[in-house]
Amino acid sequence: MSARSNTIESPAVRPIRQTLARIGFGITGMVAVATSLLSGATIWLVLTRPVTMADALGEGQVTQMVRVLAGLVVSMLRDLVSYL
């Protein structure tokens, strides 16, 4: 019995690993898209509403910034859906 025969996977394990890899890549892709969307929206807000962003960060009220950011993301998604 060689050492190589001990490392061979059973055929039942291979589909599970492929499924987990596919799910992992999908989750990674969704996180990357969400991160890009939020960072782009934050940069857009800094450029278009600098006073709102400065006030929110200066007062330590992140909720105002999150509310404006969420509104921007919803607006962007609405425009995207209407475009399609």
C-alpha atoms as a PDB file:
ATOM      1  CA  MET A   1       0.000   0.000   0.000  1.00  0.00           C
ATOM      2  CA  SER A   2       1.558   3.271  -1.066  1.00  0.00           C
ATOM      3  CA  ALA A   3       1.246   6.654   0.593  1.00  0.00           C
ATOM      4  CA  ARG A   4      -0.467   8.001  -2.477  1.00  0.00           C
ATOM      5  CA  SER A   5      -3.456   5.704  -2.100  1.00  0.00           C
ATOM      6  CA  ASN A   6      -4.133   7.197   1.337  1.00  0.00           C
ATOM      7  CA  THR A   7      -4.540  10.731  -0.069  1.00  0.00           C
ATOM      8  CA  ILE A   8      -7.052   9.864  -2.799  1.00  0.00           C
ATOM      9  CA  GLU A   9     -10.452  11.367  -2.108  1.00  0.00           C
ATOM     10  CA  SER A  10     -13.625   9.443  -2.361  1.00  0.00           C
ATOM     11  CA  PRO A  11     -15.869  10.461  -5.277  1.00  0.00           C
ATOM     12  CA  ALA A  12     -18.510  11.722  -2.801  1.00  0.00           C
ATOM     13  CA  VAL A  13     -16.161  14.336  -1.303  1.00  0.00           C
ATOM     14  CA  ARG A  14     -15.271  15.971  -4.603  1.00  0.00           C
ATOM     15  CA  PRO A  15     -18.738  17.479  -5.377  1.00  0.00           C
ATOM     16  CA  ILE A  16     -18.983  18.857  -1.848  1.00  0.00           C
ATOM     17  CA  ARG A  17     -15.647  20.634  -2.199  1.00  0.00           C
ATOM     18  CA  GLN A  18     -16.634  22.008  -5.608  1.00  0.00           C
ATOM     19  CA  THR A  19     -19.922  23.288  -4.224  1.00  0.00           C
ATOM     20  CA  LEU A  20     -18.217  24.929  -1.253  1.00  0.00           C
ATOM     21  CA  ALA A  21     -15.661  26.536  -3.567  1.00  0.00           C
ATOM     22  CA  ARG A  22     -18.425  27.858  -5.815  1.00  0.00           C
ATOM     23  CA  ILE A  23     -20.312  29.277  -2.820  1.00  0.00           C
ATOM     24  CA  GLY A  24     -17.101  30.826  -1.491  1.00  0.00           C
ATOM     25  CA  PHE A  25     -16.390  32.557  -4.809  1.00  0.00           C
ATOM     26  CA  GLY A  26     -19.982  33.787  -4.972  1.00  0.00           C
ATOM     27  CA  ILE A  27     -19.833  35.273  -1.482  1.00  0.00           C
ATOM     28  CA  THR A  28     -16.465  36.856  -2.220  1.00  0.00           C
ATOM     29  CA  GLY A  29     -17.867  38.401  -5.384  1.00  0.00           C
ATOM     30  CA  MET A  30     -20.918  39.797  -3.581  1.00  0.00           C
ATOM     31  CA  VAL A  31     -18.733  41.311  -0.855  1.00  0.00           C
ATOM     32  CA  ALA A  32     -16.476  42.863  -3.498  1.00  0.00           C
ATOM     33  CA  VAL A  33     -19.433  44.388  -5.347  1.00  0.00           C
ATOM     34  CA  ALA A  34     -20.985  45.715  -2.118  1.00  0.00           C
ATOM     35  CA  THR A  35     -17.676  47.196  -0.998  1.00  0.00           C
ATOM     36  CA  SER A  36     -17.124  48.864  -4.369  1.00  0.00           C
ATOM     37  CA  LEU A  37     -20.659  50.239  -4.354  1.00  0.00           C
ATOM     38  CA  LEU A  38     -20.366  51.682  -0.855  1.00  0.00           C
ATOM     39  CA  SER A  39     -16.926  53.163  -1.418  1.00  0.00           C
ATOM     40  CA  GLY A  40     -18.029  54.738  -4.691  1.00  0.00           C
ATOM     41  CA  ALA A  41     -21.156  56.155  -3.057  1.00  0.00           C
ATOM     42  CA  THR A  42     -19.087  57.551  -0.181  1.00  0.00           C
ATOM     43  CA  ILE A  43     -16.678  59.255  -2.587  1.00  0.00           C
ATOM     44  CA  TRP A  44     -19.650  60.619  -4.526  1.00  0.00           C
ATOM     45  CA  LEU A  45     -21.134  62.066  -1.338  1.00  0.00           C
ATOM     46  CA  VAL A  46     -17.835  63.646  -0.349  1.00  0.00           C
ATOM     47  CA  LEU A  47     -17.645  65.333  -3.748  1.00  0.00           C
ATOM     48  CA  THR A  48     -21.303  66.377  -4.060  1.00  0.00           C
ATOM     49  CA  ARG A  49     -22.283  67.055  -0.426  1.00  0.00           C
ATOM     50  CA  PRO A  50     -19.107  67.963   1.426  1.00  0.00           C
ATOM     51  CA  VAL A  51     -20.897  70.081   4.058  1.00  0.00           C
ATOM     52  CA  THR A  52     -23.267  67.250   4.988  1.00  0.00           C
ATOM     53  CA  MET A  53     -20.400  64.795   5.274  1.00  0.00           C
ATOM     54  CA  ALA A  54     -18.238  67.211   7.278  1.00  0.00           C
ATOM     55  CA  ASP A  55     -21.096  68.017   9.672  1.00  0.00           C
ATOM     56  CA  ALA A  56     -21.959  64.347  10.155  1.00  0.00           C
ATOM     57  CA  LEU A  57     -18.367  63.355  10.831  1.00  0.00           C
ATOM     58  CA  GLY A  58     -17.620  66.436  12.938  1.00  0.00           C
ATOM     59  CA  GLU A  59     -20.626  65.888  15.201  1.00  0.00           C
ATOM     60  CA  GLY A  60     -20.006  62.158  15.392  1.00  0.00           C
ATOM     61  CA  GLN A  61     -23.443  61.431  13.982  1.00  0.00           C
ATOM     62  CA  VAL A  62     -22.853  58.619  11.608  1.00  0.00           C
ATOM     63  CA  THR A  63     -26.596  57.945  11.251  1.00  0.00           C
ATOM     64  CA  GLN A  64     -27.064  61.048   9.098  1.00  0.00           C
ATOM     65  CA  MET A  65     -24.235  59.931   6.826  1.00  0.00           C
ATOM     66  CA  VAL A  66     -25.615  56.385   6.641  1.00  0.00           C
ATOM     67  CA  ARG A  67     -29.098  57.715   5.857  1.00  0.00           C
ATOM     68  CA  VAL A  68     -27.799  59.861   2.990  1.00  0.00           C
ATOM     69  CA  LEU A  69     -25.580  57.014   1.792  1.00  0.00           C
ATOM     70  CA  ALA A  70     -28.512  54.572   1.820  1.00  0.00           C
ATOM     71  CA  GLY A  71     -30.644  57.056  -0.099  1.00  0.00           C
ATOM     72  CA  LEU A  72     -27.913  57.413  -2.686  1.00  0.00           C
ATOM     73  CA  VAL A  73     -27.542  53.639  -3.083  1.00  0.00           C
ATOM     74  CA  VAL A  74     -31.322  53.216  -3.451  1.00  0.00           C
ATOM     75  CA  SER A  75     -31.383  56.008  -6.014  1.00  0.00           C
ATOM     76  CA  MET A  76     -28.552  54.391  -7.949  1.00  0.00           C
ATOM     77  CA  LEU A  77     -30.297  51.006  -7.935  1.00  0.00           C
ATOM     78  CA  ARG A  78     -33.600  52.591  -9.004  1.00  0.00           C
ATOM     79  CA  ASP A  79     -31.862  54.325 -11.904  1.00  0.00           C
ATOM     80  CA  LEU A  80     -30.132  51.085 -12.870  1.00  0.00           C
ATOM     81  CA  VAL A  81     -33.393  49.131 -12.864  1.00  0.00           C
ATOM     82  CA  SER A  82     -35.169  51.801 -14.895  1.00  0.00           C
ATOM     83  CA  TYR A  83     -32.303  51.714 -17.382  1.00  0.00           C
ATOM     84  CA  LEU A  84     -32.615  47.966 -17.822  1.00  0.00           C
END
